[in-house]
Protein backbone atom coordinates (compact mmCIF):
# COMPACT_ATOMS: atom_id res chain seq x y z
CA UNK A 1 93.91 76.84 -143.42
CA UNK A 2 94.00 79.91 -145.66
CA UNK A 3 97.42 79.04 -147.09
CA UNK A 4 96.57 75.39 -147.66
CA UNK A 5 93.34 76.17 -149.54
CA UNK A 6 95.16 78.79 -151.62
CA UNK A 7 97.84 76.36 -152.80
CA UNK A 8 95.83 73.13 -152.85
CA UNK A 9 95.88 72.81 -156.65
CA UNK A 10 99.62 73.32 -156.73
CA UNK A 11 100.13 70.55 -154.18
CA UNK A 12 97.80 68.13 -155.97
CA UNK A 13 99.66 68.63 -159.26
CA UNK A 14 103.08 67.66 -157.88
CA UNK A 15 104.54 64.53 -159.44
CA UNK A 16 105.27 62.99 -156.09
CA UNK A 17 103.48 64.45 -153.11
CA UNK A 18 104.97 61.80 -150.82
CA UNK A 19 108.48 62.67 -151.98
CA UNK A 20 107.88 66.33 -151.13
CA UNK A 21 106.68 65.44 -147.63
CA UNK A 22 109.73 63.23 -147.08
CA UNK A 23 111.98 66.04 -148.30
CA UNK A 24 110.52 68.52 -145.77
CA UNK A 25 110.83 65.97 -142.99
CA UNK A 26 114.46 65.07 -143.73
CA UNK A 27 116.19 68.12 -145.17
CA UNK A 28 118.48 70.39 -143.20
CA UNK A 29 117.84 74.11 -142.58
CA UNK A 30 119.38 76.65 -144.93
CA UNK A 31 121.90 78.30 -142.63
CA UNK A 32 121.63 81.55 -144.59
CA UNK A 33 118.00 81.77 -143.44
CA UNK A 34 116.43 82.72 -140.12
CA UNK A 35 113.72 80.51 -138.61
CA UNK A 36 110.86 80.47 -136.14
CA UNK A 37 110.10 77.23 -134.25
CA UNK A 38 106.34 76.64 -134.60
CA UNK A 39 104.08 73.72 -133.68
CA UNK A 40 100.50 73.05 -134.77
CA UNK A 41 98.63 70.40 -132.80
CA UNK A 42 95.45 70.00 -130.72
CA UNK A 43 94.47 70.59 -127.11
CA UNK A 44 92.87 67.83 -124.94
CA UNK A 45 89.47 68.78 -126.41
CA UNK A 46 90.66 68.21 -129.97
CA UNK A 47 90.74 71.89 -130.93
CA UNK A 48 93.58 73.17 -133.11
CA UNK A 49 96.21 75.17 -131.24
CA UNK A 50 99.59 76.63 -132.14
CA UNK A 51 102.67 77.13 -130.04
CA UNK A 52 106.09 78.58 -130.70
CA UNK A 53 109.37 79.35 -129.01
CA UNK A 54 108.71 82.87 -127.77
CA UNK A 55 109.83 85.86 -125.71
CA UNK A 56 108.09 88.31 -123.39
CA UNK A 57 106.86 91.55 -125.01
CA UNK A 58 104.48 92.96 -122.40
CA UNK A 59 101.40 92.32 -120.29
CA UNK A 60 97.91 91.52 -121.54
CA UNK A 61 96.62 92.72 -118.15
CA UNK A 62 98.97 95.54 -117.05
CA UNK A 63 97.20 96.00 -113.69
CA UNK A 64 97.19 92.39 -112.43
CA UNK A 65 100.21 91.17 -114.46
CA UNK A 66 99.06 87.56 -114.64
CA UNK A 67 98.68 87.20 -118.41
CA UNK A 68 101.82 87.70 -120.50
CA UNK A 69 102.05 88.79 -124.11
CA UNK A 70 104.65 86.69 -125.92
CA UNK A 71 105.80 86.83 -129.54
CA UNK A 72 107.72 84.24 -131.57
CA UNK A 73 111.51 84.29 -131.29
CA UNK A 74 114.05 83.51 -133.97
CA UNK A 75 115.90 80.34 -133.01
CA UNK A 76 119.05 78.34 -133.63
CA UNK A 77 117.75 76.00 -136.30
CA UNK A 78 120.41 73.33 -135.78
CA UNK A 79 119.58 73.06 -132.09
CA UNK A 80 115.86 72.58 -132.69
CA UNK A 81 116.51 69.97 -135.38
CA UNK A 82 118.59 68.07 -132.84
CA UNK A 83 115.88 68.32 -130.15
CA UNK A 84 112.94 67.37 -132.34
CA UNK A 85 114.55 64.73 -134.55
CA UNK A 86 117.32 63.16 -132.48
CA UNK A 87 116.29 63.65 -128.84
CA UNK A 88 112.48 63.49 -128.78
CA UNK A 89 112.04 61.49 -132.00
CA UNK A 90 109.04 63.64 -132.91
CA UNK A 91 110.59 65.00 -136.11
CA UNK A 92 110.06 68.35 -137.81
CA UNK A 93 109.53 69.95 -141.20
CA UNK A 94 111.90 72.55 -142.66
CA UNK A 95 109.63 75.17 -144.24
CA UNK A 96 111.29 77.55 -146.71
CA UNK A 97 108.49 78.32 -149.22
CA UNK A 98 104.77 79.07 -149.29
CA UNK A 99 104.12 75.60 -150.75
CA UNK A 100 106.02 74.14 -147.78
CA UNK A 101 103.72 76.05 -145.43
CA UNK A 102 100.69 74.44 -147.08
CA UNK A 103 102.07 70.96 -146.40
CA UNK A 104 103.00 71.91 -142.83
CA UNK A 105 99.47 73.17 -142.12
CA UNK A 106 98.01 70.00 -143.61
CA UNK A 107 100.07 67.61 -141.47
CA UNK A 108 100.78 69.67 -138.34
CA UNK A 109 103.48 68.95 -135.78
CA UNK A 110 106.79 70.78 -135.44
CA UNK A 111 108.38 72.98 -138.09
CA UNK A 112 111.18 75.47 -138.52
CA UNK A 113 109.58 78.16 -140.67
CA UNK A 114 111.70 80.66 -142.58
CA UNK A 115 111.26 84.17 -141.17
CA UNK A 116 109.82 85.98 -144.21
CA UNK A 117 107.53 83.09 -145.18
CA UNK A 118 106.10 82.94 -141.65
CA UNK A 119 105.61 86.71 -141.44
CA UNK A 120 103.72 86.80 -144.76
CA UNK A 121 101.74 83.56 -144.72
CA UNK A 122 101.07 82.67 -141.06
CA UNK A 123 101.50 85.95 -139.12
CA UNK A 124 98.94 84.82 -136.54
CA UNK A 125 101.36 82.10 -135.45
CA UNK A 126 104.15 84.51 -134.55
CA UNK A 127 102.44 87.74 -133.48
CA UNK A 128 102.11 88.64 -129.76
CA UNK A 129 99.63 86.37 -128.02
CA UNK A 130 98.27 86.28 -124.44
CA UNK A 131 99.48 83.28 -122.42
CA UNK A 132 99.55 82.14 -118.80
CA UNK A 133 102.54 80.43 -117.22
CA UNK A 134 101.70 77.27 -115.29
CA UNK A 135 104.03 74.98 -113.36
CA UNK A 136 102.22 71.91 -114.70
CA UNK A 137 102.05 72.76 -118.40
CA UNK A 138 104.33 75.69 -119.20
CA UNK A 139 102.74 78.49 -121.21
CA UNK A 140 99.05 77.97 -122.00
CA UNK A 141 97.06 79.99 -124.52
CA UNK A 142 94.94 82.37 -122.44
CA UNK A 143 92.20 82.59 -125.09
CA UNK A 144 91.79 78.79 -125.20
CA UNK A 145 90.98 78.48 -121.49
CA UNK A 146 87.37 78.36 -120.26
CA UNK A 147 86.23 81.17 -117.99
CA UNK A 148 85.78 78.90 -114.96
CA UNK A 149 89.52 78.23 -114.59
CA UNK A 150 89.92 81.87 -113.53
CA UNK A 151 87.46 81.46 -110.64
CA UNK A 152 89.23 81.21 -107.31
CA UNK A 153 87.05 78.38 -106.02
CA UNK A 154 86.47 75.17 -108.00
CA UNK A 155 82.87 74.23 -108.74
CA UNK A 156 81.18 71.44 -106.80
CA UNK A 157 81.53 69.09 -109.77
CA UNK A 158 85.23 69.91 -110.13
CA UNK A 159 85.82 69.38 -106.40
CA UNK A 160 84.24 65.95 -106.65
CA UNK A 161 86.40 65.08 -109.66
CA UNK A 162 89.55 65.97 -107.72
CA UNK A 163 88.41 63.95 -104.69
CA UNK A 164 87.68 60.95 -106.93
CA UNK A 165 91.02 61.27 -108.72
CA UNK A 166 92.86 61.36 -105.38
CA UNK A 167 90.87 58.41 -104.00
CA UNK A 168 89.16 60.58 -101.35
CA UNK A 169 92.37 60.81 -99.30
CA UNK A 170 94.98 63.41 -98.40
CA UNK A 171 97.79 63.07 -100.91
CA UNK A 172 100.42 63.76 -98.19
CA UNK A 173 99.36 61.62 -95.22
CA UNK A 174 97.14 59.19 -97.14
CA UNK A 175 94.30 59.33 -94.60
CA UNK A 176 90.65 59.75 -95.55
CA UNK A 177 87.43 60.64 -93.68
CA UNK A 178 85.97 57.15 -94.08
CA UNK A 179 88.79 55.78 -91.89
CA UNK A 180 89.52 58.71 -89.54
CA UNK A 181 86.74 60.88 -88.13
CA UNK A 182 89.08 63.84 -87.50
CA UNK A 183 89.96 64.21 -91.21
CA UNK A 184 88.53 67.07 -93.27
CA UNK A 185 89.54 67.21 -96.93
CA UNK A 186 90.41 70.47 -98.70
CA UNK A 187 91.12 71.28 -102.36
CA UNK A 188 94.45 73.11 -102.65
CA UNK A 189 95.88 75.19 -105.52
CA UNK A 190 99.49 74.03 -105.86
CA UNK A 191 100.47 77.12 -107.81
CA UNK A 192 98.58 79.68 -105.67
CA UNK A 193 95.68 81.49 -107.28
CA UNK A 194 97.09 84.79 -105.99
CA UNK A 195 100.31 84.10 -107.91
CA UNK A 196 98.70 83.30 -111.24
CA UNK A 197 97.67 79.73 -110.53
CA UNK A 198 94.47 78.71 -112.30
CA UNK A 199 91.63 76.47 -111.16
CA UNK A 200 92.47 73.60 -113.49
CA UNK A 201 92.54 69.94 -112.44
CA UNK A 202 96.29 69.71 -113.04
CA UNK A 203 96.85 72.49 -110.49
CA UNK A 204 94.54 71.09 -107.77
CA UNK A 205 95.29 68.48 -105.12
CA UNK A 206 93.44 66.96 -102.15
CA UNK A 207 94.94 67.72 -98.72
CA UNK A 208 93.65 67.24 -95.19
CA UNK A 209 93.09 70.34 -93.06
CA UNK A 210 96.26 69.71 -91.03
CA UNK A 211 98.64 69.70 -93.97
CA UNK A 212 96.73 72.38 -95.88
CA UNK A 213 97.00 74.86 -93.01
CA UNK A 214 100.55 73.79 -92.17
CA UNK A 215 102.10 74.21 -95.61
CA UNK A 216 105.28 76.29 -95.30
CA UNK A 217 105.99 77.65 -97.79
CA UNK A 218 102.43 77.66 -99.05
CA UNK A 219 103.72 77.20 -102.60
CA UNK A 220 105.43 73.82 -102.89
CA UNK A 221 105.82 72.60 -106.50
CA UNK A 222 106.81 69.12 -105.24
CA UNK A 223 103.10 68.55 -104.64
CA UNK A 224 102.66 68.10 -108.39
CA UNK A 225 104.51 64.78 -108.00
CA UNK A 226 101.83 63.55 -105.59
CA UNK A 227 98.87 63.97 -107.92
CA UNK A 228 97.48 60.50 -108.53
CA UNK A 229 96.38 60.82 -112.15
CA UNK A 230 96.93 57.89 -114.49
CA UNK A 231 96.65 60.29 -117.42
CA UNK A 232 99.50 62.44 -116.14
CA UNK A 233 101.64 59.37 -115.39
CA UNK A 234 101.09 58.05 -118.90
CA UNK A 235 102.03 61.40 -120.43
CA UNK A 236 105.25 61.58 -118.41
CA UNK A 237 106.27 58.05 -119.31
CA UNK A 238 105.29 58.23 -122.98
CA UNK A 239 105.47 61.87 -124.13
CA UNK A 240 105.96 60.92 -127.78
CA UNK A 241 102.87 58.70 -127.73
CA UNK A 242 100.82 61.63 -126.46
CA UNK A 243 102.36 63.90 -129.10
CA UNK A 244 101.49 61.57 -132.00
CA UNK A 245 98.00 61.08 -130.65
CA UNK A 246 97.46 64.85 -130.71
CA UNK A 247 98.95 65.06 -134.21
CA UNK A 248 96.44 62.47 -135.42
CA UNK A 249 93.66 64.51 -133.83
CA UNK A 250 95.02 67.57 -135.62
CA UNK A 251 94.97 65.83 -139.00
CA UNK A 252 91.42 64.62 -138.43
CA UNK A 253 90.38 68.17 -137.55
CA UNK A 254 92.06 69.60 -140.65
CA UNK A 255 90.39 66.97 -142.85
CA UNK A 256 87.05 68.07 -141.39
CA UNK A 257 87.83 71.76 -142.04
CA UNK A 258 88.89 71.08 -145.65
CA UNK A 259 85.78 68.97 -146.29
CA UNK A 260 83.56 71.76 -144.98
CA UNK A 261 85.41 74.33 -147.14
CA UNK A 262 84.98 72.15 -150.23
CA UNK A 263 81.28 71.58 -149.46
CA UNK A 264 80.71 75.34 -149.21
CA UNK A 265 82.58 75.93 -152.49
CA UNK A 266 80.59 73.21 -154.26
CA UNK A 267 77.26 74.61 -153.05
CA UNK A 268 78.23 78.12 -154.21
CA UNK A 269 79.08 76.81 -157.68
CA UNK A 270 75.78 74.94 -157.85
CA UNK A 271 73.84 78.08 -156.90
CA UNK A 272 75.72 80.11 -159.51
CA UNK A 273 74.90 77.57 -162.22
CA UNK A 274 71.20 77.76 -161.37
CA UNK A 275 71.32 81.55 -161.76
């Protein structure tokens, strides 16, 4: 929020703040400029995260080669405008100035940010960052993941959550121990742990011992389709609804950050007056 706080007075003094927002949301890119495609939103826990169209620049862990370093890529602005505005209906800002960045950070979502402006004002959004590739969620910020997802075996509580989600039955044959005494349930990593798969609910599925041991190949991404999660189904059917929900969470979080910043500033001024 450094840029927003810095230019807050400038934004508040504009004759029509709403008109400026509408302009950023509707205008076309300047085709003499170069742009990065950047998104600010929240993760499932409501914490602010950023993502961008990126390219591989190296390994965060050169020995194991599971965690990539990726930096922001310059993009075809017209193509991203088409994707975000016309295809997904999620919209985007066109950010050409520092003041535009302030509005973008305040509202979040997608933006095409002019190269020089991004490099000067929000370098942390485009510099190399460690990420993990997952079959279920694409690239995920490595630093945002809890330590336990890198454990090979799920915890007892996590195992029980997966069993409950899958209705205590094998997701392939549908049988469960309460009906068949020969059934033993296993928790399986769909994207294998040895190949970078993490111990996250979205990558785990319940299988009986027969199908678990008989998987060939062991890595079968079609198993993701068998996960019985109402949350995942909702997200697939209504991706835009999920996006706008996360944007609202982002705006609530930013409002909280700004309020805390203003409270700190006010208290400092009060202490200085007393001196």
